[in-house]
């Protein structure tokens, strides 16, 4: 029946996305510890974080992100997105970079 199929699809989605969401949460915790704010709170695999432009210059030397919007004269909002194939060692490398800023 249709309900069973939707329930099965939801479970499959949750299984597949669990790693992506866990990696995003790890990043979110590091950004919060650094004192960064967010465009909007969420619990998905996408993080819209507000970062000082000077920090973005350093981050962009090693990592990719999507530019979202200018927040003020010295801050921008950027999007980091994790997926099922995101390697934890890459997340840890980004966290180490942010901690040094």
C-alpha atoms as a PDB file:
ATOM      1  CA  UNK A   1       0.000   0.000   0.000  1.00  0.00           C
ATOM      2  CA  UNK A   2       1.027   3.616  -0.453  1.00  0.00           C
ATOM      3  CA  UNK A   3       1.601   4.299   3.247  1.00  0.00           C
ATOM      4  CA  UNK A   4       4.057   1.415   3.560  1.00  0.00           C
ATOM      5  CA  UNK A   5       5.998   2.621   0.515  1.00  0.00           C
ATOM      6  CA  UNK A   6       6.222   6.178   1.874  1.00  0.00           C
ATOM      7  CA  UNK A   7       7.305   4.864   5.277  1.00  0.00           C
ATOM      8  CA  UNK A   8       9.942   2.679   3.639  1.00  0.00           C
ATOM      9  CA  UNK A   9      11.201   5.623   1.565  1.00  0.00           C
ATOM     10  CA  UNK A  10      11.400   7.797   4.670  1.00  0.00           C
ATOM     11  CA  UNK A  11      13.468   5.168   6.508  1.00  0.00           C
ATOM     12  CA  UNK A  12      15.780   4.850   3.504  1.00  0.00           C
ATOM     13  CA  UNK A  13      16.191   8.647   3.340  1.00  0.00           C
ATOM     14  CA  UNK A  14      16.965   8.789   7.065  1.00  0.00           C
ATOM     15  CA  UNK A  15      19.563   6.037   6.755  1.00  0.00           C
ATOM     16  CA  UNK A  16      21.254   7.644   3.766  1.00  0.00           C
ATOM     17  CA  UNK A  17      21.201  11.160   5.213  1.00  0.00           C
ATOM     18  CA  UNK A  18      22.275  10.247   8.765  1.00  0.00           C
ATOM     19  CA  UNK A  19      25.992  10.545   7.961  1.00  0.00           C
ATOM     20  CA  UNK A  20      25.547  13.851   6.119  1.00  0.00           C
ATOM     21  CA  UNK A  21      23.578  15.338   8.991  1.00  0.00           C
ATOM     22  CA  UNK A  22      26.099  14.066  11.558  1.00  0.00           C
ATOM     23  CA  UNK A  23      28.969  15.693   9.645  1.00  0.00           C
ATOM     24  CA  UNK A  24      27.038  18.954   9.356  1.00  0.00           C
ATOM     25  CA  UNK A  25      26.307  18.865  13.088  1.00  0.00           C
ATOM     26  CA  UNK A  26      30.005  18.425  13.792  1.00  0.00           C
ATOM     27  CA  UNK A  27      30.756  21.513  11.701  1.00  0.00           C
ATOM     28  CA  UNK A  28      27.895  23.424  13.305  1.00  0.00           C
ATOM     29  CA  UNK A  29      29.313  22.728  16.782  1.00  0.00           C
ATOM     30  CA  UNK A  30      32.743  24.017  15.724  1.00  0.00           C
ATOM     31  CA  UNK A  31      31.294  27.159  14.121  1.00  0.00           C
ATOM     32  CA  UNK A  32      29.229  27.841  17.236  1.00  0.00           C
ATOM     33  CA  UNK A  33      32.270  27.339  19.488  1.00  0.00           C
ATOM     34  CA  UNK A  34      34.105  29.893  17.336  1.00  0.00           C
ATOM     35  CA  UNK A  35      31.281  32.376  17.969  1.00  0.00           C
ATOM     36  CA  UNK A  36      29.851  32.415  14.463  1.00  0.00           C
ATOM     37  CA  UNK A  37      26.141  33.042  13.982  1.00  0.00           C
ATOM     38  CA  UNK A  38      23.738  31.558  11.446  1.00  0.00           C
ATOM     39  CA  UNK A  39      21.384  33.010   8.895  1.00  0.00           C
ATOM     40  CA  UNK A  40      18.725  30.651  10.216  1.00  0.00           C
ATOM     41  CA  UNK A  41      18.944  27.715  12.612  1.00  0.00           C
ATOM     42  CA  UNK A  42      18.472  24.279  11.089  1.00  0.00           C
ATOM     43  CA  UNK A  43      19.326  20.634  11.600  1.00  0.00           C
ATOM     44  CA  UNK A  44      19.954  19.564   8.030  1.00  0.00           C
ATOM     45  CA  UNK A  45      23.104  18.824   6.065  1.00  0.00           C
ATOM     46  CA  UNK A  46      23.309  22.464   4.952  1.00  0.00           C
ATOM     47  CA  UNK A  47      24.750  25.177   7.194  1.00  0.00           C
ATOM     48  CA  UNK A  48      24.290  28.877   6.427  1.00  0.00           C
ATOM     49  CA  UNK A  49      26.934  30.436   8.654  1.00  0.00           C
ATOM     50  CA  UNK A  50      27.911  34.093   9.008  1.00  0.00           C
ATOM     51  CA  UNK A  51      31.673  34.440   8.849  1.00  0.00           C
ATOM     52  CA  UNK A  52      34.039  37.423   8.994  1.00  0.00           C
ATOM     53  CA  UNK A  53      35.352  38.103   5.498  1.00  0.00           C
ATOM     54  CA  UNK A  54      38.940  37.897   6.735  1.00  0.00           C
ATOM     55  CA  UNK A  55      38.243  34.335   7.916  1.00  0.00           C
ATOM     56  CA  UNK A  56      36.660  33.405   4.588  1.00  0.00           C
ATOM     57  CA  UNK A  57      39.849  34.384   2.811  1.00  0.00           C
ATOM     58  CA  UNK A  58      41.778  31.827   4.872  1.00  0.00           C
ATOM     59  CA  UNK A  59      39.075  29.140   4.659  1.00  0.00           C
ATOM     60  CA  UNK A  60      38.880  29.451   0.870  1.00  0.00           C
ATOM     61  CA  UNK A  61      42.590  28.624   0.549  1.00  0.00           C
ATOM     62  CA  UNK A  62      41.758  24.981   1.376  1.00  0.00           C
ATOM     63  CA  UNK A  63      37.984  24.498   1.309  1.00  0.00           C
ATOM     64  CA  UNK A  64      34.988  25.173  -0.897  1.00  0.00           C
ATOM     65  CA  UNK A  65      31.712  26.750   0.119  1.00  0.00           C
ATOM     66  CA  UNK A  66      28.829  28.511  -1.621  1.00  0.00           C
ATOM     67  CA  UNK A  67      28.582  32.262  -1.176  1.00  0.00           C
ATOM     68  CA  UNK A  68      25.072  33.216  -0.090  1.00  0.00           C
ATOM     69  CA  UNK A  69      24.943  36.915   0.745  1.00  0.00           C
ATOM     70  CA  UNK A  70      26.613  39.958   2.246  1.00  0.00           C
ATOM     71  CA  UNK A  71      25.530  40.507   5.859  1.00  0.00           C
ATOM     72  CA  UNK A  72      27.366  43.756   6.628  1.00  0.00           C
ATOM     73  CA  UNK A  73      30.603  45.527   5.715  1.00  0.00           C
ATOM     74  CA  UNK A  74      32.800  42.793   7.198  1.00  0.00           C
ATOM     75  CA  UNK A  75      30.676  39.605   7.259  1.00  0.00           C
ATOM     76  CA  UNK A  76      29.196  37.255   4.691  1.00  0.00           C
ATOM     77  CA  UNK A  77      26.855  34.308   4.866  1.00  0.00           C
ATOM     78  CA  UNK A  78      28.158  31.168   3.193  1.00  0.00           C
ATOM     79  CA  UNK A  79      26.758  27.668   2.821  1.00  0.00           C
ATOM     80  CA  UNK A  80      28.591  24.513   3.736  1.00  0.00           C
ATOM     81  CA  UNK A  81      26.897  21.325   2.601  1.00  0.00           C
ATOM     82  CA  UNK A  82      27.737  17.756   3.582  1.00  0.00           C
ATOM     83  CA  UNK A  83      26.624  14.561   1.884  1.00  0.00           C
ATOM     84  CA  UNK A  84      26.640  10.803   2.210  1.00  0.00           C
ATOM     85  CA  UNK A  85      30.200  10.713   0.827  1.00  0.00           C
ATOM     86  CA  UNK A  86      31.631  13.474   3.033  1.00  0.00           C
ATOM     87  CA  UNK A  87      34.767  12.178   4.716  1.00  0.00           C
ATOM     88  CA  UNK A  88      35.056  12.856   8.417  1.00  0.00           C
ATOM     89  CA  UNK A  89      38.751  13.639   8.041  1.00  0.00           C
ATOM     90  CA  UNK A  90      37.825  16.497   5.689  1.00  0.00           C
ATOM     91  CA  UNK A  91      35.327  17.833   8.221  1.00  0.00           C
ATOM     92  CA  UNK A  92      38.012  17.597  10.906  1.00  0.00           C
ATOM     93  CA  UNK A  93      40.464  19.494   8.683  1.00  0.00           C
ATOM     94  CA  UNK A  94      37.946  22.323   8.210  1.00  0.00           C
ATOM     95  CA  UNK A  95      37.320  22.401  11.949  1.00  0.00           C
ATOM     96  CA  UNK A  96      41.059  22.671  12.644  1.00  0.00           C
ATOM     97  CA  UNK A  97      41.291  25.526  10.134  1.00  0.00           C
ATOM     98  CA  UNK A  98      38.409  27.402  11.791  1.00  0.00           C
ATOM     99  CA  UNK A  99      39.826  26.862  15.267  1.00  0.00           C
ATOM    100  CA  UNK A 100      43.089  28.541  14.193  1.00  0.00           C
ATOM    101  CA  UNK A 101      41.339  31.687  12.935  1.00  0.00           C
END
